[in-house]
Amino acid sequence: MQATEIAALAEQALEDLKAQNIKRLDVRELTDIADYLIIASGNSNRQVKALAENVQLKAKRVGLNAIGVEGAEAADWILVDLADVVVHVMQPATREFYDLERLWSVTPPPSVDEQNL
């Protein structure tokens, strides 16, 4: 399954349970850890947990198991690692505080080779 298909599946799983402000960030030029980050908000710990569980369930139905899940205990910010796609589900205050959209939108500095051209 391609990264774009995994991202679409995760977004649909989030939409199914009424996640808010779903954003897909293309981070292929910024890191090797993933191709896409998906960030979404839930209004309560319960909704955040349900959203993350739905992402895992939908992925499992197509034969894709999460590499890891972090934060499920507190459910303020849950990360679901689907290899090429990393899903962050957060409560709005946590999302605003960490501002991952801004953090991951920074353009990388030019490489040494590019600077010498």
PDB file of N, CA and C in Angstrom:
ATOM      1  N   MET A   1       0.851  -1.181   0.000  1.00  0.00           N
ATOM      2  CA  MET A   1       0.000   0.000   0.000  1.00  0.00           C
ATOM      3  C   MET A   1       0.895   1.242   0.000  1.00  0.00           C
ATOM      4  N   GLN A   2       0.614   2.170  -0.881  1.00  0.00           N
ATOM      5  CA  GLN A   2       1.390   3.401  -1.020  1.00  0.00           C
ATOM      6  C   GLN A   2       1.095   4.365   0.137  1.00  0.00           C
ATOM      7  N   ALA A   3       2.042   5.234   0.414  1.00  0.00           N
ATOM      8  CA  ALA A   3       1.889   6.204   1.509  1.00  0.00           C
ATOM      9  C   ALA A   3       0.662   7.091   1.310  1.00  0.00           C
ATOM     10  N   THR A   4       0.386   7.487   0.072  1.00  0.00           N
ATOM     11  CA  THR A   4      -0.789   8.331  -0.170  1.00  0.00           C
ATOM     12  C   THR A   4      -2.083   7.586   0.151  1.00  0.00           C
ATOM     13  N   GLU A   5      -2.114   6.280  -0.127  1.00  0.00           N
ATOM     14  CA  GLU A   5      -3.297   5.467   0.191  1.00  0.00           C
ATOM     15  C   GLU A   5      -3.452   5.303   1.701  1.00  0.00           C
ATOM     16  N   ILE A   6      -2.342   5.112   2.400  1.00  0.00           N
ATOM     17  CA  ILE A   6      -2.382   4.988   3.856  1.00  0.00           C
ATOM     18  C   ILE A   6      -2.863   6.304   4.469  1.00  0.00           C
ATOM     19  N   ALA A   7      -2.361   7.417   3.943  1.00  0.00           N
ATOM     20  CA  ALA A   7      -2.780   8.723   4.444  1.00  0.00           C
ATOM     21  C   ALA A   7      -4.275   8.936   4.222  1.00  0.00           C
ATOM     22  N   ALA A   8      -4.762   8.579   3.053  1.00  0.00           N
ATOM     23  CA  ALA A   8      -6.192   8.727   2.756  1.00  0.00           C
ATOM     24  C   ALA A   8      -7.036   7.847   3.669  1.00  0.00           C
ATOM     25  N   LEU A   9      -6.573   6.636   3.925  1.00  0.00           N
ATOM     26  CA  LEU A   9      -7.282   5.726   4.825  1.00  0.00           C
ATOM     27  C   LEU A   9      -7.344   6.314   6.234  1.00  0.00           C
ATOM     28  N   ALA A  10      -6.233   6.850   6.711  1.00  0.00           N
ATOM     29  CA  ALA A  10      -6.199   7.453   8.051  1.00  0.00           C
ATOM     30  C   ALA A  10      -7.117   8.668   8.120  1.00  0.00           C
ATOM     31  N   GLU A  11      -7.092   9.492   7.093  1.00  0.00           N
ATOM     32  CA  GLU A  11      -7.970  10.669   7.069  1.00  0.00           C
ATOM     33  C   GLU A  11      -9.439  10.262   7.087  1.00  0.00           C
ATOM     34  N   GLN A  12      -9.781   9.222   6.348  1.00  0.00           N
ATOM     35  CA  GLN A  12     -11.165   8.750   6.340  1.00  0.00           C
ATOM     36  C   GLN A  12     -11.566   8.227   7.711  1.00  0.00           C
ATOM     37  N   ALA A  13     -10.665   7.499   8.369  1.00  0.00           N
ATOM     38  CA  ALA A  13     -10.942   6.986   9.712  1.00  0.00           C
ATOM     39  C   ALA A  13     -11.187   8.140  10.686  1.00  0.00           C
ATOM     40  N   LEU A  14     -10.441   9.207  10.532  1.00  0.00           N
ATOM     41  CA  LEU A  14     -10.620  10.383  11.392  1.00  0.00           C
ATOM     42  C   LEU A  14     -11.935  11.091  11.074  1.00  0.00           C
ATOM     43  N   GLU A  15     -12.243  11.233   9.795  1.00  0.00           N
ATOM     44  CA  GLU A  15     -13.495  11.875   9.387  1.00  0.00           C
ATOM     45  C   GLU A  15     -14.704  11.087   9.868  1.00  0.00           C
ATOM     46  N   ASP A  16     -14.601   9.759   9.855  1.00  0.00           N
ATOM     47  CA  ASP A  16     -15.721   8.909  10.281  1.00  0.00           C
ATOM     48  C   ASP A  16     -16.192   9.233  11.691  1.00  0.00           C
ATOM     49  N   LEU A  17     -15.261   9.638  12.556  1.00  0.00           N
ATOM     50  CA  LEU A  17     -15.612   9.937  13.946  1.00  0.00           C
ATOM     51  C   LEU A  17     -15.558  11.433  14.245  1.00  0.00           C
ATOM     52  N   LYS A  18     -15.690  12.229  13.200  1.00  0.00           N
ATOM     53  CA  LYS A  18     -15.834  13.682  13.316  1.00  0.00           C
ATOM     54  C   LYS A  18     -14.625  14.393  13.912  1.00  0.00           C
ATOM     55  N   ALA A  19     -13.420  13.972  13.512  1.00  0.00           N
ATOM     56  CA  ALA A  19     -12.224  14.715  13.903  1.00  0.00           C
ATOM     57  C   ALA A  19     -12.304  16.118  13.319  1.00  0.00           C
ATOM     58  N   GLN A  20     -11.657  17.042  13.974  1.00  0.00           N
ATOM     59  CA  GLN A  20     -11.682  18.427  13.522  1.00  0.00           C
ATOM     60  C   GLN A  20     -10.331  18.822  12.958  1.00  0.00           C
ATOM     61  N   ASN A  21     -10.371  19.725  11.982  1.00  0.00           N
ATOM     62  CA  ASN A  21      -9.178  20.362  11.444  1.00  0.00           C
ATOM     63  C   ASN A  21      -8.106  19.340  11.038  1.00  0.00           C
ATOM     64  N   ILE A  22      -8.477  18.404  10.199  1.00  0.00           N
ATOM     65  CA  ILE A  22      -7.541  17.373   9.742  1.00  0.00           C
ATOM     66  C   ILE A  22      -6.594  17.988   8.706  1.00  0.00           C
ATOM     67  N   LYS A  23      -5.298  17.823   8.952  1.00  0.00           N
ATOM     68  CA  LYS A  23      -4.282  18.353   8.041  1.00  0.00           C
ATOM     69  C   LYS A  23      -3.310  17.246   7.657  1.00  0.00           C
ATOM     70  N   ARG A  24      -2.969  17.203   6.390  1.00  0.00           N
ATOM     71  CA  ARG A  24      -1.930  16.281   5.904  1.00  0.00           C
ATOM     72  C   ARG A  24      -0.715  17.115   5.527  1.00  0.00           C
ATOM     73  N   LEU A  25       0.424  16.798   6.128  1.00  0.00           N
ATOM     74  CA  LEU A  25       1.664  17.490   5.833  1.00  0.00           C
ATOM     75  C   LEU A  25       2.588  16.553   5.067  1.00  0.00           C
ATOM     76  N   ASP A  26       3.065  17.001   3.936  1.00  0.00           N
ATOM     77  CA  ASP A  26       4.020  16.245   3.147  1.00  0.00           C
ATOM     78  C   ASP A  26       5.408  16.578   3.688  1.00  0.00           C
ATOM     79  N   VAL A  27       6.045  15.616   4.338  1.00  0.00           N
ATOM     80  CA  VAL A  27       7.346  15.855   4.976  1.00  0.00           C
ATOM     81  C   VAL A  27       8.477  15.091   4.284  1.00  0.00           C
ATOM     82  N   ARG A  28       8.242  14.638   3.071  1.00  0.00           N
ATOM     83  CA  ARG A  28       9.247  13.852   2.354  1.00  0.00           C
ATOM     84  C   ARG A  28      10.559  14.605   2.150  1.00  0.00           C
ATOM     85  N   GLU A  29      10.482  15.908   1.974  1.00  0.00           N
ATOM     86  CA  GLU A  29      11.689  16.708   1.767  1.00  0.00           C
ATOM     87  C   GLU A  29      12.368  17.088   3.083  1.00  0.00           C
ATOM     88  N   LEU A  30      11.693  16.855   4.203  1.00  0.00           N
ATOM     89  CA  LEU A  30      12.210  17.284   5.500  1.00  0.00           C
ATOM     90  C   LEU A  30      12.807  16.164   6.343  1.00  0.00           C
ATOM     91  N   THR A  31      12.372  14.913   6.114  1.00  0.00           N
ATOM     92  CA  THR A  31      12.803  13.818   6.973  1.00  0.00           C
ATOM     93  C   THR A  31      12.666  12.484   6.255  1.00  0.00           C
ATOM     94  N   ASP A  32      13.365  11.506   6.773  1.00  0.00           N
ATOM     95  CA  ASP A  32      13.247  10.149   6.250  1.00  0.00           C
ATOM     96  C   ASP A  32      12.337   9.285   7.109  1.00  0.00           C
ATOM     97  N   ILE A  33      11.831   9.825   8.213  1.00  0.00           N
ATOM     98  CA  ILE A  33      11.030   9.002   9.132  1.00  0.00           C
ATOM     99  C   ILE A  33       9.636   8.705   8.600  1.00  0.00           C
ATOM    100  N   ALA A  34       9.119   9.556   7.737  1.00  0.00           N
ATOM    101  CA  ALA A  34       7.771   9.359   7.196  1.00  0.00           C
ATOM    102  C   ALA A  34       7.616  10.207   5.939  1.00  0.00           C
ATOM    103  N   ASP A  35       6.610   9.853   5.155  1.00  0.00           N
ATOM    104  CA  ASP A  35       6.276  10.665   3.983  1.00  0.00           C
ATOM    105  C   ASP A  35       5.237  11.731   4.339  1.00  0.00           C
ATOM    106  N   TYR A  36       4.305  11.349   5.213  1.00  0.00           N
ATOM    107  CA  TYR A  36       3.228  12.266   5.589  1.00  0.00           C
ATOM    108  C   TYR A  36       3.003  12.240   7.089  1.00  0.00           C
ATOM    109  N   LEU A  37       2.659  13.410   7.622  1.00  0.00           N
ATOM    110  CA  LEU A  37       2.145  13.524   8.975  1.00  0.00           C
ATOM    111  C   LEU A  37       0.699  13.955   8.834  1.00  0.00           C
ATOM    112  N   ILE A  38      -0.155  13.331   9.599  1.00  0.00           N
ATOM    113  CA  ILE A  38      -1.549  13.740   9.622  1.00  0.00           C
ATOM    114  C   ILE A  38      -1.828  14.211  11.039  1.00  0.00           C
ATOM    115  N   ILE A  39      -2.395  15.400  11.139  1.00  0.00           N
ATOM    116  CA  ILE A  39      -2.692  15.999  12.434  1.00  0.00           C
ATOM    117  C   ILE A  39      -4.178  16.283  12.474  1.00  0.00           C
ATOM    118  N   ALA A  40      -4.811  15.893  13.590  1.00  0.00           N
ATOM    119  CA  ALA A  40      -6.249  16.113  13.749  1.00  0.00           C
ATOM    120  C   ALA A  40      -6.548  16.400  15.209  1.00  0.00           C
ATOM    121  N   SER A  41      -7.687  17.013  15.446  1.00  0.00           N
ATOM    122  CA  SER A  41      -8.105  17.344  16.811  1.00  0.00           C
ATOM    123  C   SER A  41      -9.371  16.597  17.192  1.00  0.00           C
ATOM    124  N   GLY A  42      -9.439  16.268  18.478  1.00  0.00           N
ATOM    125  CA  GLY A  42     -10.639  15.707  19.089  1.00  0.00           C
ATOM    126  C   GLY A  42     -10.996  16.571  20.285  1.00  0.00           C
ATOM    127  N   ASN A  43     -12.273  16.659  20.627  1.00  0.00           N
ATOM    128  CA  ASN A  43     -12.726  17.591  21.656  1.00  0.00           C
ATOM    129  C   ASN A  43     -12.531  17.125  23.089  1.00  0.00           C
ATOM    130  N   SER A  44     -12.233  15.853  23.283  1.00  0.00           N
ATOM    131  CA  SER A  44     -12.078  15.331  24.643  1.00  0.00           C
ATOM    132  C   SER A  44     -11.096  14.163  24.608  1.00  0.00           C
ATOM    133  N   ASN A  45     -10.659  13.746  25.785  1.00  0.00           N
ATOM    134  CA  ASN A  45      -9.779  12.570  25.861  1.00  0.00           C
ATOM    135  C   ASN A  45     -10.459  11.366  25.230  1.00  0.00           C
ATOM    136  N   ARG A  46     -11.737  11.225  25.501  1.00  0.00           N
ATOM    137  CA  ARG A  46     -12.496  10.098  24.965  1.00  0.00           C
ATOM    138  C   ARG A  46     -12.525  10.117  23.442  1.00  0.00           C
ATOM    139  N   GLN A  47     -12.762  11.287  22.852  1.00  0.00           N
ATOM    140  CA  GLN A  47     -12.798  11.360  21.389  1.00  0.00           C
ATOM    141  C   GLN A  47     -11.404  11.153  20.798  1.00  0.00           C
ATOM    142  N   VAL A  48     -10.376  11.728  21.414  1.00  0.00           N
ATOM    143  CA  VAL A  48      -9.008  11.536  20.927  1.00  0.00           C
ATOM    144  C   VAL A  48      -8.677  10.046  20.894  1.00  0.00           C
ATOM    145  N   LYS A  49      -9.010   9.360  21.963  1.00  0.00           N
ATOM    146  CA  LYS A  49      -8.740   7.922  22.045  1.00  0.00           C
ATOM    147  C   LYS A  49      -9.538   7.150  20.983  1.00  0.00           C
ATOM    148  N   ALA A  50     -10.802   7.495  20.816  1.00  0.00           N
ATOM    149  CA  ALA A  50     -11.640   6.820  19.824  1.00  0.00           C
ATOM    150  C   ALA A  50     -11.119   7.063  18.406  1.00  0.00           C
ATOM    151  N   LEU A  51     -10.666   8.274  18.119  1.00  0.00           N
ATOM    152  CA  LEU A  51     -10.127   8.587  16.801  1.00  0.00           C
ATOM    153  C   LEU A  51      -8.884   7.757  16.506  1.00  0.00           C
ATOM    154  N   ALA A  52      -7.965   7.707  17.466  1.00  0.00           N
ATOM    155  CA  ALA A  52      -6.738   6.922  17.276  1.00  0.00           C
ATOM    156  C   ALA A  52      -7.051   5.442  17.113  1.00  0.00           C
ATOM    157  N   GLU A  53      -7.991   4.938  17.886  1.00  0.00           N
ATOM    158  CA  GLU A  53      -8.376   3.523  17.772  1.00  0.00           C
ATOM    159  C   GLU A  53      -9.009   3.235  16.422  1.00  0.00           C
ATOM    160  N   ASN A  54      -9.789   4.179  15.896  1.00  0.00           N
ATOM    161  CA  ASN A  54     -10.424   3.976  14.597  1.00  0.00           C
ATOM    162  C   ASN A  54      -9.380   3.952  13.472  1.00  0.00           C
ATOM    163  N   VAL A  55      -8.356   4.783  13.596  1.00  0.00           N
ATOM    164  CA  VAL A  55      -7.261   4.755  12.607  1.00  0.00           C
ATOM    165  C   VAL A  55      -6.608   3.374  12.621  1.00  0.00           C
ATOM    166  N   GLN A  56      -6.329   2.859  13.807  1.00  0.00           N
ATOM    167  CA  GLN A  56      -5.700   1.540  13.922  1.00  0.00           C
ATOM    168  C   GLN A  56      -6.607   0.441  13.370  1.00  0.00           C
ATOM    169  N   LEU A  57      -7.890   0.522  13.667  1.00  0.00           N
ATOM    170  CA  LEU A  57      -8.845  -0.486  13.207  1.00  0.00           C
ATOM    171  C   LEU A  57      -8.943  -0.505  11.682  1.00  0.00           C
ATOM    172  N   LYS A  58      -9.083   0.676  11.079  1.00  0.00           N
ATOM    173  CA  LYS A  58      -9.192   0.757   9.612  1.00  0.00           C
ATOM    174  C   LYS A  58      -7.908   0.246   8.951  1.00  0.00           C
ATOM    175  N   ALA A  59      -6.756   0.576   9.543  1.00  0.00           N
ATOM    176  CA  ALA A  59      -5.483   0.104   8.995  1.00  0.00           C
ATOM    177  C   ALA A  59      -5.392  -1.415   9.092  1.00  0.00           C
ATOM    178  N   LYS A  60      -5.795  -1.949  10.225  1.00  0.00           N
ATOM    179  CA  LYS A  60      -5.726  -3.397  10.435  1.00  0.00           C
ATOM    180  C   LYS A  60      -6.615  -4.143   9.441  1.00  0.00           C
ATOM    181  N   ARG A  61      -7.756  -3.559   9.095  1.00  0.00           N
ATOM    182  CA  ARG A  61      -8.685  -4.182   8.144  1.00  0.00           C
ATOM    183  C   ARG A  61      -8.076  -4.357   6.759  1.00  0.00           C
ATOM    184  N   VAL A  62      -7.079  -3.536   6.436  1.00  0.00           N
ATOM    185  CA  VAL A  62      -6.416  -3.673   5.130  1.00  0.00           C
ATOM    186  C   VAL A  62      -5.043  -4.338   5.273  1.00  0.00           C
ATOM    187  N   GLY A  63      -4.803  -4.930   6.443  1.00  0.00           N
ATOM    188  CA  GLY A  63      -3.571  -5.680   6.664  1.00  0.00           C
ATOM    189  C   GLY A  63      -2.380  -4.860   7.110  1.00  0.00           C
ATOM    190  N   LEU A  64      -2.630  -3.678   7.592  1.00  0.00           N
ATOM    191  CA  LEU A  64      -1.548  -2.787   8.024  1.00  0.00           C
ATOM    192  C   LEU A  64      -1.613  -2.601   9.537  1.00  0.00           C
ATOM    193  N   ASN A  65      -0.605  -3.084  10.239  1.00  0.00           N
ATOM    194  CA  ASN A  65      -0.549  -2.917  11.690  1.00  0.00           C
ATOM    195  C   ASN A  65       0.292  -1.705  12.044  1.00  0.00           C
ATOM    196  N   ALA A  66      -0.136  -0.978  13.055  1.00  0.00           N
ATOM    197  CA  ALA A  66       0.633   0.171  13.529  1.00  0.00           C
ATOM    198  C   ALA A  66       1.960  -0.313  14.100  1.00  0.00           C
ATOM    199  N   ILE A  67       3.032   0.383  13.768  1.00  0.00           N
ATOM    200  CA  ILE A  67       4.348   0.073  14.321  1.00  0.00           C
ATOM    201  C   ILE A  67       4.368   0.405  15.804  1.00  0.00           C
ATOM    202  N   GLY A  68       3.674   1.474  16.161  1.00  0.00           N
ATOM    203  CA  GLY A  68       3.618   1.881  17.555  1.00  0.00           C
ATOM    204  C   GLY A  68       2.504   2.867  17.782  1.00  0.00           C
ATOM    205  N   VAL A  69       2.075   2.916  19.033  1.00  0.00           N
ATOM    206  CA  VAL A  69       1.054   3.873  19.457  1.00  0.00           C
ATOM    207  C   VAL A  69       1.539   4.452  20.784  1.00  0.00           C
ATOM    208  N   GLU A  70       1.584   5.763  20.871  1.00  0.00           N
ATOM    209  CA  GLU A  70       2.051   6.423  22.085  1.00  0.00           C
ATOM    210  C   GLU A  70       0.998   7.408  22.577  1.00  0.00           C
ATOM    211  N   GLY A  71       0.867   7.519  23.894  1.00  0.00           N
ATOM    212  CA  GLY A  71       0.001   8.517  24.494  1.00  0.00           C
ATOM    213  C   GLY A  71      -1.416   8.076  24.769  1.00  0.00           C
ATOM    214  N   ALA A  72      -1.727   6.813  24.547  1.00  0.00           N
ATOM    215  CA  ALA A  72      -3.108   6.342  24.708  1.00  0.00           C
ATOM    216  C   ALA A  72      -3.580   6.400  26.163  1.00  0.00           C
ATOM    217  N   GLU A  73      -2.651   6.337  27.113  1.00  0.00           N
ATOM    218  CA  GLU A  73      -3.054   6.357  28.526  1.00  0.00           C
ATOM    219  C   GLU A  73      -3.715   7.683  28.890  1.00  0.00           C
ATOM    220  N   ALA A  74      -3.041   8.793  28.588  1.00  0.00           N
ATOM    221  CA  ALA A  74      -3.577  10.112  28.929  1.00  0.00           C
ATOM    222  C   ALA A  74      -4.586  10.590  27.893  1.00  0.00           C
ATOM    223  N   ALA A  75      -4.390  10.188  26.655  1.00  0.00           N
ATOM    224  CA  ALA A  75      -5.275  10.528  25.531  1.00  0.00           C
ATOM    225  C   ALA A  75      -5.421  12.028  25.304  1.00  0.00           C
ATOM    226  N   ASP A  76      -4.382  12.772  25.632  1.00  0.00           N
ATOM    227  CA  ASP A  76      -4.349  14.192  25.320  1.00  0.00           C
ATOM    228  C   ASP A  76      -3.719  14.390  23.942  1.00  0.00           C
ATOM    229  N   TRP A  77      -2.752  13.517  23.633  1.00  0.00           N
ATOM    230  CA  TRP A  77      -2.071  13.504  22.337  1.00  0.00           C
ATOM    231  C   TRP A  77      -1.692  12.056  22.081  1.00  0.00           C
ATOM    232  N   ILE A  78      -2.260  11.472  21.052  1.00  0.00           N
ATOM    233  CA  ILE A  78      -1.937  10.093  20.696  1.00  0.00           C
ATOM    234  C   ILE A  78      -1.283  10.091  19.331  1.00  0.00           C
ATOM    235  N   LEU A  79      -0.165   9.385  19.247  1.00  0.00           N
ATOM    236  CA  LEU A  79       0.563   9.223  18.001  1.00  0.00           C
ATOM    237  C   LEU A  79       0.375   7.788  17.534  1.00  0.00           C
ATOM    238  N   VAL A  80      -0.027   7.620  16.281  1.00  0.00           N
ATOM    239  CA  VAL A  80      -0.164   6.302  15.664  1.00  0.00           C
ATOM    240  C   VAL A  80       0.823   6.248  14.501  1.00  0.00           C
ATOM    241  N   ASP A  81       1.808   5.362  14.619  1.00  0.00           N
ATOM    242  CA  ASP A  81       2.855   5.236  13.605  1.00  0.00           C
ATOM    243  C   ASP A  81       2.490   4.130  12.626  1.00  0.00           C
ATOM    244  N   LEU A  82       2.190   4.526  11.400  1.00  0.00           N
ATOM    245  CA  LEU A  82       1.852   3.589  10.336  1.00  0.00           C
ATOM    246  C   LEU A  82       2.978   3.517   9.309  1.00  0.00           C
ATOM    247  N   ALA A  83       4.215   3.631   9.763  1.00  0.00           N
ATOM    248  CA  ALA A  83       5.430   3.588   8.948  1.00  0.00           C
ATOM    249  C   ALA A  83       5.577   4.852   8.112  1.00  0.00           C
ATOM    250  N   ASP A  84       5.081   4.870   6.896  1.00  0.00           N
ATOM    251  CA  ASP A  84       5.238   6.033   6.028  1.00  0.00           C
ATOM    252  C   ASP A  84       4.299   7.178   6.381  1.00  0.00           C
ATOM    253  N   VAL A  85       3.360   6.913   7.264  1.00  0.00           N
ATOM    254  CA  VAL A  85       2.393   7.922   7.699  1.00  0.00           C
ATOM    255  C   VAL A  85       2.336   7.898   9.225  1.00  0.00           C
ATOM    256  N   VAL A  86       2.512   9.061   9.823  1.00  0.00           N
ATOM    257  CA  VAL A  86       2.415   9.182  11.277  1.00  0.00           C
ATOM    258  C   VAL A  86       1.218  10.080  11.574  1.00  0.00           C
ATOM    259  N   VAL A  87       0.301   9.562  12.383  1.00  0.00           N
ATOM    260  CA  VAL A  87      -0.934  10.271  12.706  1.00  0.00           C
ATOM    261  C   VAL A  87      -0.841  10.814  14.126  1.00  0.00           C
ATOM    262  N   HIS A  88      -1.107  12.110  14.279  1.00  0.00           N
ATOM    263  CA  HIS A  88      -1.142  12.768  15.582  1.00  0.00           C
ATOM    264  C   HIS A  88      -2.581  13.192  15.834  1.00  0.00           C
ATOM    265  N   VAL A  89      -3.166  12.706  16.911  1.00  0.00           N
ATOM    266  CA  VAL A  89      -4.514  13.115  17.292  1.00  0.00           C
ATOM    267  C   VAL A  89      -4.392  13.818  18.638  1.00  0.00           C
ATOM    268  N   MET A  90      -4.852  15.063  18.700  1.00  0.00           N
ATOM    269  CA  MET A  90      -4.644  15.886  19.882  1.00  0.00           C
ATOM    270  C   MET A  90      -5.900  16.642  20.278  1.00  0.00           C
ATOM    271  N   GLN A  91      -5.920  17.031  21.543  1.00  0.00           N
ATOM    272  CA  GLN A  91      -6.924  17.986  21.963  1.00  0.00           C
ATOM    273  C   GLN A  91      -6.483  19.362  21.465  1.00  0.00           C
ATOM    274  N   PRO A  92      -7.416  20.271  21.219  1.00  0.00           N
ATOM    275  CA  PRO A  92      -7.069  21.564  20.625  1.00  0.00           C
ATOM    276  C   PRO A  92      -5.997  22.352  21.390  1.00  0.00           C
ATOM    277  N   ALA A  93      -6.050  22.388  22.700  1.00  0.00           N
ATOM    278  CA  ALA A  93      -5.057  23.158  23.470  1.00  0.00           C
ATOM    279  C   ALA A  93      -3.656  22.574  23.287  1.00  0.00           C
ATOM    280  N   THR A  94      -3.556  21.268  23.256  1.00  0.00           N
ATOM    281  CA  THR A  94      -2.264  20.607  23.055  1.00  0.00           C
ATOM    282  C   THR A  94      -1.758  20.889  21.644  1.00  0.00           C
ATOM    283  N   ARG A  95      -2.648  20.813  20.686  1.00  0.00           N
ATOM    284  CA  ARG A  95      -2.266  21.075  19.298  1.00  0.00           C
ATOM    285  C   ARG A  95      -1.781  22.504  19.125  1.00  0.00           C
ATOM    286  N   GLU A  96      -2.476  23.440  19.732  1.00  0.00           N
ATOM    287  CA  GLU A  96      -2.068  24.837  19.635  1.00  0.00           C
ATOM    288  C   GLU A  96      -0.710  25.061  20.307  1.00  0.00           C
ATOM    289  N   PHE A  97      -0.494  24.442  21.449  1.00  0.00           N
ATOM    290  CA  PHE A  97       0.757  24.620  22.180  1.00  0.00           C
ATOM    291  C   PHE A  97       1.952  24.103  21.391  1.00  0.00           C
ATOM    292  N   TYR A  98       1.857  22.884  20.842  1.00  0.00           N
ATOM    293  CA  TYR A  98       2.991  22.287  20.129  1.00  0.00           C
ATOM    294  C   TYR A  98       3.106  22.743  18.681  1.00  0.00           C
ATOM    295  N   ASP A  99       2.012  23.170  18.079  1.00  0.00           N
ATOM    296  CA  ASP A  99       1.992  23.772  16.741  1.00  0.00           C
ATOM    297  C   ASP A  99       2.838  22.988  15.735  1.00  0.00           C
ATOM    298  N   LEU A 100       2.533  21.708  15.589  1.00  0.00           N
ATOM    299  CA  LEU A 100       3.295  20.845  14.682  1.00  0.00           C
ATOM    300  C   LEU A 100       3.223  21.309  13.231  1.00  0.00           C
ATOM    301  N   GLU A 101       2.120  21.901  12.847  1.00  0.00           N
ATOM    302  CA  GLU A 101       2.006  22.391  11.468  1.00  0.00           C
ATOM    303  C   GLU A 101       3.108  23.403  11.169  1.00  0.00           C
ATOM    304  N   ARG A 102       3.339  24.320  12.074  1.00  0.00           N
ATOM    305  CA  ARG A 102       4.384  25.322  11.868  1.00  0.00           C
ATOM    306  C   ARG A 102       5.761  24.678  11.949  1.00  0.00           C
ATOM    307  N   LEU A 103       5.953  23.816  12.921  1.00  0.00           N
ATOM    308  CA  LEU A 103       7.240  23.153  13.106  1.00  0.00           C
ATOM    309  C   LEU A 103       7.656  22.385  11.851  1.00  0.00           C
ATOM    310  N   TRP A 104       6.727  21.626  11.265  1.00  0.00           N
ATOM    311  CA  TRP A 104       7.053  20.795  10.109  1.00  0.00           C
ATOM    312  C   TRP A 104       6.947  21.532   8.785  1.00  0.00           C
ATOM    313  N   SER A 105       6.581  22.800   8.795  1.00  0.00           N
ATOM    314  CA  SER A 105       6.512  23.548   7.542  1.00  0.00           C
ATOM    315  C   SER A 105       7.797  24.322   7.282  1.00  0.00           C
ATOM    316  N   VAL A 106       8.755  24.237   8.189  1.00  0.00           N
ATOM    317  CA  VAL A 106      10.022  24.938   8.026  1.00  0.00           C
ATOM    318  C   VAL A 106      10.788  24.316   6.868  1.00  0.00           C
ATOM    319  N   THR A 107      11.268  25.147   5.977  1.00  0.00           N
ATOM    320  CA  THR A 107      12.057  24.677   4.843  1.00  0.00           C
ATOM    321  C   THR A 107      13.461  24.330   5.337  1.00  0.00           C
ATOM    322  N   PRO A 108      13.970  23.162   4.958  1.00  0.00           N
ATOM    323  CA  PRO A 108      15.305  22.795   5.419  1.00  0.00           C
ATOM    324  C   PRO A 108      16.371  23.727   4.833  1.00  0.00           C
ATOM    325  N   PRO A 109      17.459  23.952   5.587  1.00  0.00           N
ATOM    326  CA  PRO A 109      18.530  24.787   5.034  1.00  0.00           C
ATOM    327  C   PRO A 109      19.177  24.092   3.852  1.00  0.00           C
ATOM    328  N   PRO A 110      19.787  24.855   2.971  1.00  0.00           N
ATOM    329  CA  PRO A 110      20.450  24.204   1.815  1.00  0.00           C
ATOM    330  C   PRO A 110      21.595  23.327   2.295  1.00  0.00           C
ATOM    331  N   SER A 111      21.838  22.266   1.557  1.00  0.00           N
ATOM    332  CA  SER A 111      22.944  21.384   1.891  1.00  0.00           C
ATOM    333  C   SER A 111      24.267  22.075   1.576  1.00  0.00           C
ATOM    334  N   VAL A 112      25.350  21.537   2.075  1.00  0.00           N
ATOM    335  CA  VAL A 112      26.681  22.103   1.823  1.00  0.00           C
ATOM    336  C   VAL A 112      26.949  22.179   0.325  1.00  0.00           C
ATOM    337  N   ASP A 113      26.582  21.124  -0.408  1.00  0.00           N
ATOM    338  CA  ASP A 113      26.787  21.112  -1.864  1.00  0.00           C
ATOM    339  C   ASP A 113      26.020  22.237  -2.546  1.00  0.00           C
ATOM    340  N   GLU A 114      24.782  22.490  -2.095  1.00  0.00           N
ATOM    341  CA  GLU A 114      23.973  23.541  -2.699  1.00  0.00           C
ATOM    342  C   GLU A 114      24.535  24.921  -2.383  1.00  0.00           C
ATOM    343  N   GLN A 115      25.118  25.083  -1.198  1.00  0.00           N
ATOM    344  CA  GLN A 115      25.697  26.375  -0.815  1.00  0.00           C
ATOM    345  C   GLN A 115      26.924  26.706  -1.641  1.00  0.00           C
ATOM    346  N   ASN A 116      27.660  25.696  -2.081  1.00  0.00           N
ATOM    347  CA  ASN A 116      28.902  25.911  -2.830  1.00  0.00           C
ATOM    348  C   ASN A 116      28.681  26.076  -4.331  1.00  0.00           C
ATOM    349  N   LEU A 117      27.444  25.975  -4.787  1.00  0.00           N
ATOM    350  CA  LEU A 117      27.174  26.088  -6.227  1.00  0.00           C
ATOM    351  C   LEU A 117      27.152  27.517  -6.696  1.00  0.00           C
TER     352      LEU A 117
END
